[in-house]
């Protein structure tokens, strides 16, 4: 890049203690060459040396060269920043799109498993919505609640591997059959694990742990208390309540009153007390919004 710098006596420049007339080069200044052959530090050092030697004209030229190089460097830095910002945005958008496609695929798989177990396949959506409401009631931030709303939909994805003879059995399961049913937690976690998406990874944690119990008597690992991930402790409450109020091949739908009583009875044993209390407030608010009487067991 070549700049044509003409003589200008309209302003003064101060270099050190000397006041110089800021006359520009009459020659043409190749800034690109200066930028590549001389660093800003070198130009500044040269200016100080010329000034110390008493060569004010040379020091003035050094100052102007320094200003030109600094201007070019600033412009190039801004261009790089804008390009980096644009690239970061493209990568983020692409990553978000991939995550959305991955989530949609897993949700469809979860709904497919749910269709085998219920008439509508809407259980997973309701569990997600209720889990998010409980999370908000517990003071979790909006982003976390949205994540758990989506991740909770994947809690039963492992049921795709459970045989129909067990999943759709109208009567009680034998101990052997129940052992097979319990594998839907570990299989679900295996299906979802290893994803680069934090949301899918959250789904894996929920799938693995949503049948753990606060008192340590759950499965698959017998985890207890706060050792159970908080997301799974929340989904456990939402899952049980919605499952009880839904029709299954092996049971009729419980009333909201009976299902609420069951969850409250599990406070401190099956479920974390704080989460049960938040759940009850959510249910009360839902009933108030629908103008229905608040139910108490």
C-alpha atoms as a PDB file:
ATOM      1  CA  UNK A   1       0.000   0.000   0.000  1.00  0.00           C
ATOM      2  CA  UNK A   2       1.455   3.450  -0.953  1.00  0.00           C
ATOM      3  CA  UNK A   3       0.514   6.695   0.733  1.00  0.00           C
ATOM      4  CA  UNK A   4       1.204  10.135  -0.797  1.00  0.00           C
ATOM      5  CA  UNK A   5       2.004  12.389   2.147  1.00  0.00           C
ATOM      6  CA  UNK A   6       2.190  16.088   1.191  1.00  0.00           C
ATOM      7  CA  UNK A   7       3.755  18.952   3.169  1.00  0.00           C
ATOM      8  CA  UNK A   8       1.472  20.274   5.935  1.00  0.00           C
ATOM      9  CA  UNK A   9       2.372  23.271   8.119  1.00  0.00           C
ATOM     10  CA  UNK A  10      -1.028  23.657   9.720  1.00  0.00           C
ATOM     11  CA  UNK A  11      -0.232  21.893  12.998  1.00  0.00           C
ATOM     12  CA  UNK A  12       2.570  21.415  15.499  1.00  0.00           C
ATOM     13  CA  UNK A  13       3.845  18.141  16.902  1.00  0.00           C
ATOM     14  CA  UNK A  14       5.651  17.760  20.189  1.00  0.00           C
ATOM     15  CA  UNK A  15       8.537  15.271  20.209  1.00  0.00           C
ATOM     16  CA  UNK A  16      10.135  14.977  23.644  1.00  0.00           C
ATOM     17  CA  UNK A  17      10.706  18.547  24.805  1.00  0.00           C
ATOM     18  CA  UNK A  18      11.002  19.912  21.278  1.00  0.00           C
ATOM     19  CA  UNK A  19       8.130  21.434  19.301  1.00  0.00           C
ATOM     20  CA  UNK A  20       8.335  20.505  15.642  1.00  0.00           C
ATOM     21  CA  UNK A  21       6.407  21.673  12.654  1.00  0.00           C
ATOM     22  CA  UNK A  22       4.629  18.533  11.461  1.00  0.00           C
ATOM     23  CA  UNK A  23       5.642  18.741   7.842  1.00  0.00           C
ATOM     24  CA  UNK A  24       5.014  15.457   6.096  1.00  0.00           C
ATOM     25  CA  UNK A  25       7.292  13.578   3.767  1.00  0.00           C
ATOM     26  CA  UNK A  26       7.452  14.971   0.272  1.00  0.00           C
ATOM     27  CA  UNK A  27       8.498  11.494  -0.822  1.00  0.00           C
ATOM     28  CA  UNK A  28       6.019   8.594  -1.118  1.00  0.00           C
ATOM     29  CA  UNK A  29       5.912   6.339   1.970  1.00  0.00           C
ATOM     30  CA  UNK A  30       5.486   2.578   1.468  1.00  0.00           C
ATOM     31  CA  UNK A  31       3.716   1.680   4.716  1.00  0.00           C
ATOM     32  CA  UNK A  32       3.511  -2.024   3.911  1.00  0.00           C
ATOM     33  CA  UNK A  33       7.287  -2.143   3.581  1.00  0.00           C
ATOM     34  CA  UNK A  34       7.731  -0.273   6.852  1.00  0.00           C
ATOM     35  CA  UNK A  35       5.259  -2.549   8.602  1.00  0.00           C
ATOM     36  CA  UNK A  36       7.097  -5.633   7.415  1.00  0.00           C
ATOM     37  CA  UNK A  37      10.687  -4.429   7.797  1.00  0.00           C
ATOM     38  CA  UNK A  38      10.396  -2.429  11.003  1.00  0.00           C
ATOM     39  CA  UNK A  39       8.447  -3.076  14.175  1.00  0.00           C
ATOM     40  CA  UNK A  40       6.759  -0.284  16.057  1.00  0.00           C
ATOM     41  CA  UNK A  41       9.317  -0.674  18.839  1.00  0.00           C
ATOM     42  CA  UNK A  42      12.167  -0.303  16.365  1.00  0.00           C
ATOM     43  CA  UNK A  43      10.665   2.861  14.879  1.00  0.00           C
ATOM     44  CA  UNK A  44      10.180   4.339  18.339  1.00  0.00           C
ATOM     45  CA  UNK A  45      13.770   3.504  19.282  1.00  0.00           C
ATOM     46  CA  UNK A  46      15.038   5.085  16.068  1.00  0.00           C
ATOM     47  CA  UNK A  47      13.062   8.231  16.801  1.00  0.00           C
ATOM     48  CA  UNK A  48      14.523   8.494  20.286  1.00  0.00           C
ATOM     49  CA  UNK A  49      18.018   8.010  18.879  1.00  0.00           C
ATOM     50  CA  UNK A  50      17.543  10.734  16.257  1.00  0.00           C
ATOM     51  CA  UNK A  51      16.114  13.054  18.873  1.00  0.00           C
ATOM     52  CA  UNK A  52      19.008  12.382  21.219  1.00  0.00           C
ATOM     53  CA  UNK A  53      21.399  13.163  18.367  1.00  0.00           C
ATOM     54  CA  UNK A  54      19.674  16.485  17.835  1.00  0.00           C
ATOM     55  CA  UNK A  55      18.329  15.578  14.387  1.00  0.00           C
ATOM     56  CA  UNK A  56      14.819  16.954  14.825  1.00  0.00           C
ATOM     57  CA  UNK A  57      13.873  16.535  11.172  1.00  0.00           C
ATOM     58  CA  UNK A  58      14.797  12.845  11.254  1.00  0.00           C
ATOM     59  CA  UNK A  59      12.959  12.411  14.559  1.00  0.00           C
ATOM     60  CA  UNK A  60       9.880  14.047  12.993  1.00  0.00           C
ATOM     61  CA  UNK A  61      10.011  11.639  10.056  1.00  0.00           C
ATOM     62  CA  UNK A  62      10.394   8.725  12.486  1.00  0.00           C
ATOM     63  CA  UNK A  63       7.311   9.894  14.374  1.00  0.00           C
ATOM     64  CA  UNK A  64       5.222  10.139  11.204  1.00  0.00           C
ATOM     65  CA  UNK A  65       6.410   6.700  10.096  1.00  0.00           C
ATOM     66  CA  UNK A  66       5.476   5.348  13.516  1.00  0.00           C
ATOM     67  CA  UNK A  67       1.994   6.868  13.308  1.00  0.00           C
ATOM     68  CA  UNK A  68       1.425   5.418   9.836  1.00  0.00           C
ATOM     69  CA  UNK A  69       2.591   1.937  10.851  1.00  0.00           C
ATOM     70  CA  UNK A  70       0.493   2.038  14.023  1.00  0.00           C
ATOM     71  CA  UNK A  71      -2.559   3.041  11.993  1.00  0.00           C
ATOM     72  CA  UNK A  72      -2.043   0.154   9.557  1.00  0.00           C
ATOM     73  CA  UNK A  73      -1.482  -2.298  12.408  1.00  0.00           C
ATOM     74  CA  UNK A  74      -4.649  -1.105  14.141  1.00  0.00           C
ATOM     75  CA  UNK A  75      -6.649  -1.475  10.940  1.00  0.00           C
ATOM     76  CA  UNK A  76      -5.315  -4.979  10.296  1.00  0.00           C
ATOM     77  CA  UNK A  77      -6.021  -5.984  13.900  1.00  0.00           C
ATOM     78  CA  UNK A  78      -9.616  -4.820  13.533  1.00  0.00           C
ATOM     79  CA  UNK A  79     -10.004  -6.786  10.297  1.00  0.00           C
ATOM     80  CA  UNK A  80      -8.659  -9.914  12.018  1.00  0.00           C
ATOM     81  CA  UNK A  81     -10.991  -9.365  14.960  1.00  0.00           C
ATOM     82  CA  UNK A  82     -14.002  -9.029  12.680  1.00  0.00           C
ATOM     83  CA  UNK A  83     -13.016 -12.139  10.733  1.00  0.00           C
ATOM     84  CA  UNK A  84     -12.496 -14.094  13.955  1.00  0.00           C
ATOM     85  CA  UNK A  85     -15.887 -12.937  15.253  1.00  0.00           C
ATOM     86  CA  UNK A  86     -17.553 -13.927  11.989  1.00  0.00           C
ATOM     87  CA  UNK A  87     -15.871 -17.345  12.030  1.00  0.00           C
ATOM     88  CA  UNK A  88     -16.835 -17.893  15.652  1.00  0.00           C
ATOM     89  CA  UNK A  89     -20.444 -17.067  14.793  1.00  0.00           C
ATOM     90  CA  UNK A  90     -20.433 -19.492  11.870  1.00  0.00           C
ATOM     91  CA  UNK A  91     -18.958 -22.272  14.018  1.00  0.00           C
ATOM     92  CA  UNK A  92     -21.476 -21.600  16.787  1.00  0.00           C
ATOM     93  CA  UNK A  93     -24.396 -21.612  14.358  1.00  0.00           C
ATOM     94  CA  UNK A  94     -23.179 -24.826  12.756  1.00  0.00           C
ATOM     95  CA  UNK A  95     -22.678 -26.474  16.147  1.00  0.00           C
ATOM     96  CA  UNK A  96     -26.144 -25.393  17.259  1.00  0.00           C
ATOM     97  CA  UNK A  97     -27.672 -26.784  14.080  1.00  0.00           C
ATOM     98  CA  UNK A  98     -25.903 -30.120  14.556  1.00  0.00           C
ATOM     99  CA  UNK A  99     -27.012 -30.268  18.193  1.00  0.00           C
ATOM    100  CA  UNK A 100     -30.618 -29.547  17.191  1.00  0.00           C
ATOM    101  CA  UNK A 101     -30.563 -32.315  14.583  1.00  0.00           C
ATOM    102  CA  UNK A 102     -29.025 -34.735  17.071  1.00  0.00           C
ATOM    103  CA  UNK A 103     -31.566 -33.827  19.740  1.00  0.00           C
ATOM    104  CA  UNK A 104     -34.449 -34.230  17.294  1.00  0.00           C
ATOM    105  CA  UNK A 105     -33.192 -37.688  16.317  1.00  0.00           C
ATOM    106  CA  UNK A 106     -32.976 -38.830  19.925  1.00  0.00           C
ATOM    107  CA  UNK A 107     -36.368 -37.323  20.758  1.00  0.00           C
ATOM    108  CA  UNK A 108     -37.963 -39.234  17.906  1.00  0.00           C
ATOM    109  CA  UNK A 109     -36.336 -42.408  19.198  1.00  0.00           C
ATOM    110  CA  UNK A 110     -37.634 -41.690  22.709  1.00  0.00           C
ATOM    111  CA  UNK A 111     -41.147 -41.046  21.380  1.00  0.00           C
ATOM    112  CA  UNK A 112     -40.978 -44.300  19.420  1.00  0.00           C
ATOM    113  CA  UNK A 113     -40.198 -46.146  22.659  1.00  0.00           C
ATOM    114  CA  UNK A 114     -43.004 -44.293  24.417  1.00  0.00           C
ATOM    115  CA  UNK A 115     -45.543 -45.149  21.712  1.00  0.00           C
ATOM    116  CA  UNK A 116     -45.006 -48.802  22.548  1.00  0.00           C
ATOM    117  CA  UNK A 117     -45.850 -48.140  26.182  1.00  0.00           C
ATOM    118  CA  UNK A 118     -48.665 -45.569  25.939  1.00  0.00           C
ATOM    119  CA  UNK A 119     -51.355 -44.479  23.522  1.00  0.00           C
ATOM    120  CA  UNK A 120     -50.038 -41.019  22.698  1.00  0.00           C
ATOM    121  CA  UNK A 121     -46.295 -40.839  23.334  1.00  0.00           C
ATOM    122  CA  UNK A 122     -46.798 -37.488  25.116  1.00  0.00           C
ATOM    123  CA  UNK A 123     -45.506 -38.715  28.478  1.00  0.00           C
ATOM    124  CA  UNK A 124     -41.940 -37.646  27.681  1.00  0.00           C
ATOM    125  CA  UNK A 125     -43.033 -34.109  26.766  1.00  0.00           C
ATOM    126  CA  UNK A 126     -45.089 -33.717  29.941  1.00  0.00           C
ATOM    127  CA  UNK A 127     -42.226 -34.993  32.077  1.00  0.00           C
ATOM    128  CA  UNK A 128     -39.917 -32.457  30.453  1.00  0.00           C
ATOM    129  CA  UNK A 129     -42.322 -29.578  31.003  1.00  0.00           C
ATOM    130  CA  UNK A 130     -42.973 -30.506  34.632  1.00  0.00           C
ATOM    131  CA  UNK A 131     -39.253 -30.956  35.305  1.00  0.00           C
ATOM    132  CA  UNK A 132     -38.569 -27.468  33.964  1.00  0.00           C
ATOM    133  CA  UNK A 133     -41.301 -25.987  36.172  1.00  0.00           C
ATOM    134  CA  UNK A 134     -39.879 -27.705  39.230  1.00  0.00           C
ATOM    135  CA  UNK A 135     -36.431 -26.430  38.320  1.00  0.00           C
ATOM    136  CA  UNK A 136     -37.720 -22.861  38.110  1.00  0.00           C
ATOM    137  CA  UNK A 137     -39.464 -23.275  41.454  1.00  0.00           C
ATOM    138  CA  UNK A 138     -36.136 -24.382  42.930  1.00  0.00           C
ATOM    139  CA  UNK A 139     -34.461 -21.223  41.633  1.00  0.00           C
ATOM    140  CA  UNK A 140     -32.514 -22.684  38.721  1.00  0.00           C
ATOM    141  CA  UNK A 141     -31.788 -20.233  35.915  1.00  0.00           C
ATOM    142  CA  UNK A 142     -33.837 -20.143  32.726  1.00  0.00           C
ATOM    143  CA  UNK A 143     -31.160 -21.739  30.532  1.00  0.00           C
ATOM    144  CA  UNK A 144     -30.760 -24.709  32.876  1.00  0.00           C
ATOM    145  CA  UNK A 145     -34.511 -25.207  33.074  1.00  0.00           C
ATOM    146  CA  UNK A 146     -34.775 -25.197  29.283  1.00  0.00           C
ATOM    147  CA  UNK A 147     -31.994 -27.780  29.093  1.00  0.00           C
ATOM    148  CA  UNK A 148     -33.679 -30.077  31.586  1.00  0.00           C
ATOM    149  CA  UNK A 149     -37.002 -29.647  29.781  1.00  0.00           C
ATOM    150  CA  UNK A 150     -35.409 -31.112  26.647  1.00  0.00           C
ATOM    151  CA  UNK A 151     -33.083 -33.603  28.342  1.00  0.00           C
ATOM    152  CA  UNK A 152     -35.910 -35.055  30.452  1.00  0.00           C
ATOM    153  CA  UNK A 153     -37.728 -36.057  27.281  1.00  0.00           C
ATOM    154  CA  UNK A 154     -34.987 -38.622  26.730  1.00  0.00           C
ATOM    155  CA  UNK A 155     -35.274 -40.284  30.146  1.00  0.00           C
ATOM    156  CA  UNK A 156     -36.890 -43.500  28.856  1.00  0.00           C
ATOM    157  CA  UNK A 157     -35.056 -43.750  25.538  1.00  0.00           C
ATOM    158  CA  UNK A 158     -33.517 -47.060  26.657  1.00  0.00           C
ATOM    159  CA  UNK A 159     -36.941 -48.709  26.505  1.00  0.00           C
ATOM    160  CA  UNK A 160     -36.379 -49.209  22.779  1.00  0.00           C
ATOM    161  CA  UNK A 161     -34.275 -52.227  23.802  1.00  0.00           C
ATOM    162  CA  UNK A 162     -36.853 -53.745  26.183  1.00  0.00           C
ATOM    163  CA  UNK A 163     -38.867 -56.590  24.571  1.00  0.00           C
ATOM    164  CA  UNK A 164     -42.590 -56.026  24.035  1.00  0.00           C
ATOM    165  CA  UNK A 165     -43.305 -59.143  26.072  1.00  0.00           C
ATOM    166  CA  UNK A 166     -41.996 -57.281  29.100  1.00  0.00           C
ATOM    167  CA  UNK A 167     -42.739 -53.652  28.298  1.00  0.00           C
ATOM    168  CA  UNK A 168     -46.358 -54.372  27.340  1.00  0.00           C
ATOM    169  CA  UNK A 169     -47.060 -57.164  29.811  1.00  0.00           C
ATOM    170  CA  UNK A 170     -50.469 -56.433  31.417  1.00  0.00           C
ATOM    171  CA  UNK A 171     -49.673 -58.212  34.675  1.00  0.00           C
ATOM    172  CA  UNK A 172     -46.898 -57.920  37.251  1.00  0.00           C
ATOM    173  CA  UNK A 173     -43.337 -58.574  36.114  1.00  0.00           C
ATOM    174  CA  UNK A 174     -41.391 -61.537  37.414  1.00  0.00           C
ATOM    175  CA  UNK A 175     -38.105 -60.776  39.179  1.00  0.00           C
ATOM    176  CA  UNK A 176     -36.242 -61.825  36.034  1.00  0.00           C
ATOM    177  CA  UNK A 177     -38.388 -59.601  33.841  1.00  0.00           C
ATOM    178  CA  UNK A 178     -37.923 -56.673  36.200  1.00  0.00           C
ATOM    179  CA  UNK A 179     -34.144 -57.059  35.909  1.00  0.00           C
ATOM    180  CA  UNK A 180     -34.510 -56.732  32.142  1.00  0.00           C
ATOM    181  CA  UNK A 181     -36.765 -53.694  32.547  1.00  0.00           C
ATOM    182  CA  UNK A 182     -34.164 -52.004  34.762  1.00  0.00           C
ATOM    183  CA  UNK A 183     -31.635 -52.146  31.931  1.00  0.00           C
ATOM    184  CA  UNK A 184     -33.470 -49.338  30.134  1.00  0.00           C
ATOM    185  CA  UNK A 185     -31.535 -46.920  32.362  1.00  0.00           C
ATOM    186  CA  UNK A 186     -28.069 -48.160  31.431  1.00  0.00           C
ATOM    187  CA  UNK A 187     -28.998 -48.727  27.788  1.00  0.00           C
ATOM    188  CA  UNK A 188     -30.447 -45.228  27.564  1.00  0.00           C
ATOM    189  CA  UNK A 189     -27.244 -43.780  28.976  1.00  0.00           C
ATOM    190  CA  UNK A 190     -25.195 -45.787  26.479  1.00  0.00           C
ATOM    191  CA  UNK A 191     -27.298 -44.528  23.574  1.00  0.00           C
ATOM    192  CA  UNK A 192     -26.806 -40.900  24.605  1.00  0.00           C
ATOM    193  CA  UNK A 193     -23.270 -40.981  25.983  1.00  0.00           C
ATOM    194  CA  UNK A 194     -20.226 -39.731  24.121  1.00  0.00           C
ATOM    195  CA  UNK A 195     -21.993 -36.791  22.488  1.00  0.00           C
ATOM    196  CA  UNK A 196     -20.166 -33.487  22.121  1.00  0.00           C
ATOM    197  CA  UNK A 197     -23.467 -31.776  22.972  1.00  0.00           C
ATOM    198  CA  UNK A 198     -23.824 -30.801  26.656  1.00  0.00           C
ATOM    199  CA  UNK A 199     -27.584 -31.149  26.249  1.00  0.00           C
ATOM    200  CA  UNK A 200     -27.387 -34.746  25.010  1.00  0.00           C
ATOM    201  CA  UNK A 201     -24.872 -35.516  27.735  1.00  0.00           C
ATOM    202  CA  UNK A 202     -27.371 -34.142  30.270  1.00  0.00           C
ATOM    203  CA  UNK A 203     -29.944 -36.491  28.770  1.00  0.00           C
ATOM    204  CA  UNK A 204     -27.539 -39.377  29.319  1.00  0.00           C
ATOM    205  CA  UNK A 205     -27.197 -38.473  32.997  1.00  0.00           C
ATOM    206  CA  UNK A 206     -30.976 -38.264  33.392  1.00  0.00           C
ATOM    207  CA  UNK A 207     -31.554 -41.584  31.587  1.00  0.00           C
ATOM    208  CA  UNK A 208     -29.072 -43.390  33.816  1.00  0.00           C
ATOM    209  CA  UNK A 209     -30.186 -41.968  37.165  1.00  0.00           C
ATOM    210  CA  UNK A 210     -33.903 -41.177  37.087  1.00  0.00           C
ATOM    211  CA  UNK A 211     -34.807 -44.415  38.920  1.00  0.00           C
ATOM    212  CA  UNK A 212     -32.360 -43.829  41.755  1.00  0.00           C
ATOM    213  CA  UNK A 213     -34.019 -43.106  45.099  1.00  0.00           C
ATOM    214  CA  UNK A 214     -33.155 -40.540  47.751  1.00  0.00           C
ATOM    215  CA  UNK A 215     -32.736 -43.327  50.372  1.00  0.00           C
ATOM    216  CA  UNK A 216     -30.371 -45.345  48.167  1.00  0.00           C
ATOM    217  CA  UNK A 217     -32.748 -48.203  47.330  1.00  0.00           C
ATOM    218  CA  UNK A 218     -33.160 -47.340  43.638  1.00  0.00           C
ATOM    219  CA  UNK A 219     -31.411 -48.614  40.528  1.00  0.00           C
ATOM    220  CA  UNK A 220     -29.177 -49.176  38.642  1.00  0.00           C
ATOM    221  CA  UNK A 221     -26.404 -48.122  41.066  1.00  0.00           C
ATOM    222  CA  UNK A 222     -28.128 -47.575  44.407  1.00  0.00           C
ATOM    223  CA  UNK A 223     -26.931 -43.972  44.603  1.00  0.00           C
ATOM    224  CA  UNK A 224     -28.198 -42.005  47.570  1.00  0.00           C
ATOM    225  CA  UNK A 225     -29.050 -38.409  48.449  1.00  0.00           C
ATOM    226  CA  UNK A 226     -27.092 -35.661  46.748  1.00  0.00           C
ATOM    227  CA  UNK A 227     -24.870 -38.289  45.099  1.00  0.00           C
ATOM    228  CA  UNK A 228     -27.748 -38.593  42.622  1.00  0.00           C
ATOM    229  CA  UNK A 229     -27.432 -35.799  40.034  1.00  0.00           C
ATOM    230  CA  UNK A 230     -29.904 -32.990  40.741  1.00  0.00           C
ATOM    231  CA  UNK A 231     -31.356 -33.176  37.244  1.00  0.00           C
ATOM    232  CA  UNK A 232     -32.251 -36.850  37.786  1.00  0.00           C
ATOM    233  CA  UNK A 233     -33.712 -36.158  41.238  1.00  0.00           C
ATOM    234  CA  UNK A 234     -36.072 -33.640  39.641  1.00  0.00           C
ATOM    235  CA  UNK A 235     -37.027 -35.875  36.720  1.00  0.00           C
ATOM    236  CA  UNK A 236     -37.719 -38.764  39.122  1.00  0.00           C
ATOM    237  CA  UNK A 237     -40.557 -36.803  40.722  1.00  0.00           C
ATOM    238  CA  UNK A 238     -41.998 -35.590  37.409  1.00  0.00           C
ATOM    239  CA  UNK A 239     -41.762 -39.068  35.868  1.00  0.00           C
ATOM    240  CA  UNK A 240     -43.534 -40.875  38.688  1.00  0.00           C
ATOM    241  CA  UNK A 241     -46.336 -38.318  38.919  1.00  0.00           C
ATOM    242  CA  UNK A 242     -47.031 -38.321  35.184  1.00  0.00           C
ATOM    243  CA  UNK A 243     -46.723 -42.109  34.884  1.00  0.00           C
ATOM    244  CA  UNK A 244     -49.266 -42.577  37.678  1.00  0.00           C
ATOM    245  CA  UNK A 245     -51.753 -40.220  36.020  1.00  0.00           C
ATOM    246  CA  UNK A 246     -51.329 -41.932  32.619  1.00  0.00           C
ATOM    247  CA  UNK A 247     -53.009 -45.062  31.272  1.00  0.00           C
ATOM    248  CA  UNK A 248     -50.672 -48.010  30.745  1.00  0.00           C
ATOM    249  CA  UNK A 249     -51.400 -51.551  29.592  1.00  0.00           C
ATOM    250  CA  UNK A 250     -50.807 -52.775  33.126  1.00  0.00           C
ATOM    251  CA  UNK A 251     -52.705 -50.027  35.017  1.00  0.00           C
ATOM    252  CA  UNK A 252     -55.444 -47.458  34.869  1.00  0.00           C
ATOM    253  CA  UNK A 253     -54.762 -43.742  35.240  1.00  0.00           C
ATOM    254  CA  UNK A 254     -54.673 -42.549  38.829  1.00  0.00           C
ATOM    255  CA  UNK A 255     -56.427 -39.350  39.816  1.00  0.00           C
ATOM    256  CA  UNK A 256     -54.239 -36.287  40.342  1.00  0.00           C
ATOM    257  CA  UNK A 257     -55.238 -36.406  44.005  1.00  0.00           C
ATOM    258  CA  UNK A 258     -54.019 -39.996  44.456  1.00  0.00           C
ATOM    259  CA  UNK A 259     -50.849 -39.398  42.437  1.00  0.00           C
ATOM    260  CA  UNK A 260     -50.043 -36.289  44.476  1.00  0.00           C
ATOM    261  CA  UNK A 261     -50.572 -38.246  47.699  1.00  0.00           C
ATOM    262  CA  UNK A 262     -48.192 -40.947  46.454  1.00  0.00           C
ATOM    263  CA  UNK A 263     -45.427 -38.451  45.664  1.00  0.00           C
ATOM    264  CA  UNK A 264     -45.846 -36.692  49.008  1.00  0.00           C
ATOM    265  CA  UNK A 265     -45.681 -40.053  50.787  1.00  0.00           C
ATOM    266  CA  UNK A 266     -42.322 -40.662  49.127  1.00  0.00           C
ATOM    267  CA  UNK A 267     -40.821 -37.451  50.511  1.00  0.00           C
ATOM    268  CA  UNK A 268     -37.503 -38.258  52.162  1.00  0.00           C
ATOM    269  CA  UNK A 269     -37.526 -41.891  51.009  1.00  0.00           C
ATOM    270  CA  UNK A 270     -38.043 -42.095  47.266  1.00  0.00           C
ATOM    271  CA  UNK A 271     -37.673 -38.371  46.607  1.00  0.00           C
ATOM    272  CA  UNK A 272     -35.623 -35.456  47.873  1.00  0.00           C
ATOM    273  CA  UNK A 273     -37.790 -33.432  50.310  1.00  0.00           C
ATOM    274  CA  UNK A 274     -36.907 -30.037  48.820  1.00  0.00           C
ATOM    275  CA  UNK A 275     -37.872 -31.203  45.334  1.00  0.00           C
ATOM    276  CA  UNK A 276     -41.159 -32.672  46.565  1.00  0.00           C
ATOM    277  CA  UNK A 277     -42.008 -29.357  48.215  1.00  0.00           C
ATOM    278  CA  UNK A 278     -41.226 -27.469  44.989  1.00  0.00           C
ATOM    279  CA  UNK A 279     -43.276 -30.002  43.023  1.00  0.00           C
ATOM    280  CA  UNK A 280     -46.279 -29.477  45.313  1.00  0.00           C
ATOM    281  CA  UNK A 281     -46.091 -25.704  44.822  1.00  0.00           C
ATOM    282  CA  UNK A 282     -46.014 -26.221  41.047  1.00  0.00           C
ATOM    283  CA  UNK A 283     -49.082 -28.486  41.170  1.00  0.00           C
ATOM    284  CA  UNK A 284     -50.917 -26.037  43.414  1.00  0.00           C
ATOM    285  CA  UNK A 285     -50.134 -23.209  40.998  1.00  0.00           C
ATOM    286  CA  UNK A 286     -51.329 -25.276  38.037  1.00  0.00           C
ATOM    287  CA  UNK A 287     -54.590 -26.041  39.802  1.00  0.00           C
ATOM    288  CA  UNK A 288     -55.047 -22.395  40.784  1.00  0.00           C
ATOM    289  CA  UNK A 289     -54.482 -21.321  37.189  1.00  0.00           C
ATOM    290  CA  UNK A 290     -57.146 -23.778  36.044  1.00  0.00           C
ATOM    291  CA  UNK A 291     -59.565 -22.559  38.778  1.00  0.00           C
ATOM    292  CA  UNK A 292     -59.700 -26.072  40.168  1.00  0.00           C
ATOM    293  CA  UNK A 293     -59.660 -26.598  43.947  1.00  0.00           C
ATOM    294  CA  UNK A 294     -56.185 -27.187  45.386  1.00  0.00           C
ATOM    295  CA  UNK A 295     -55.928 -30.844  46.237  1.00  0.00           C
ATOM    296  CA  UNK A 296     -54.505 -32.197  49.478  1.00  0.00           C
ATOM    297  CA  UNK A 297     -53.965 -35.838  50.304  1.00  0.00           C
END
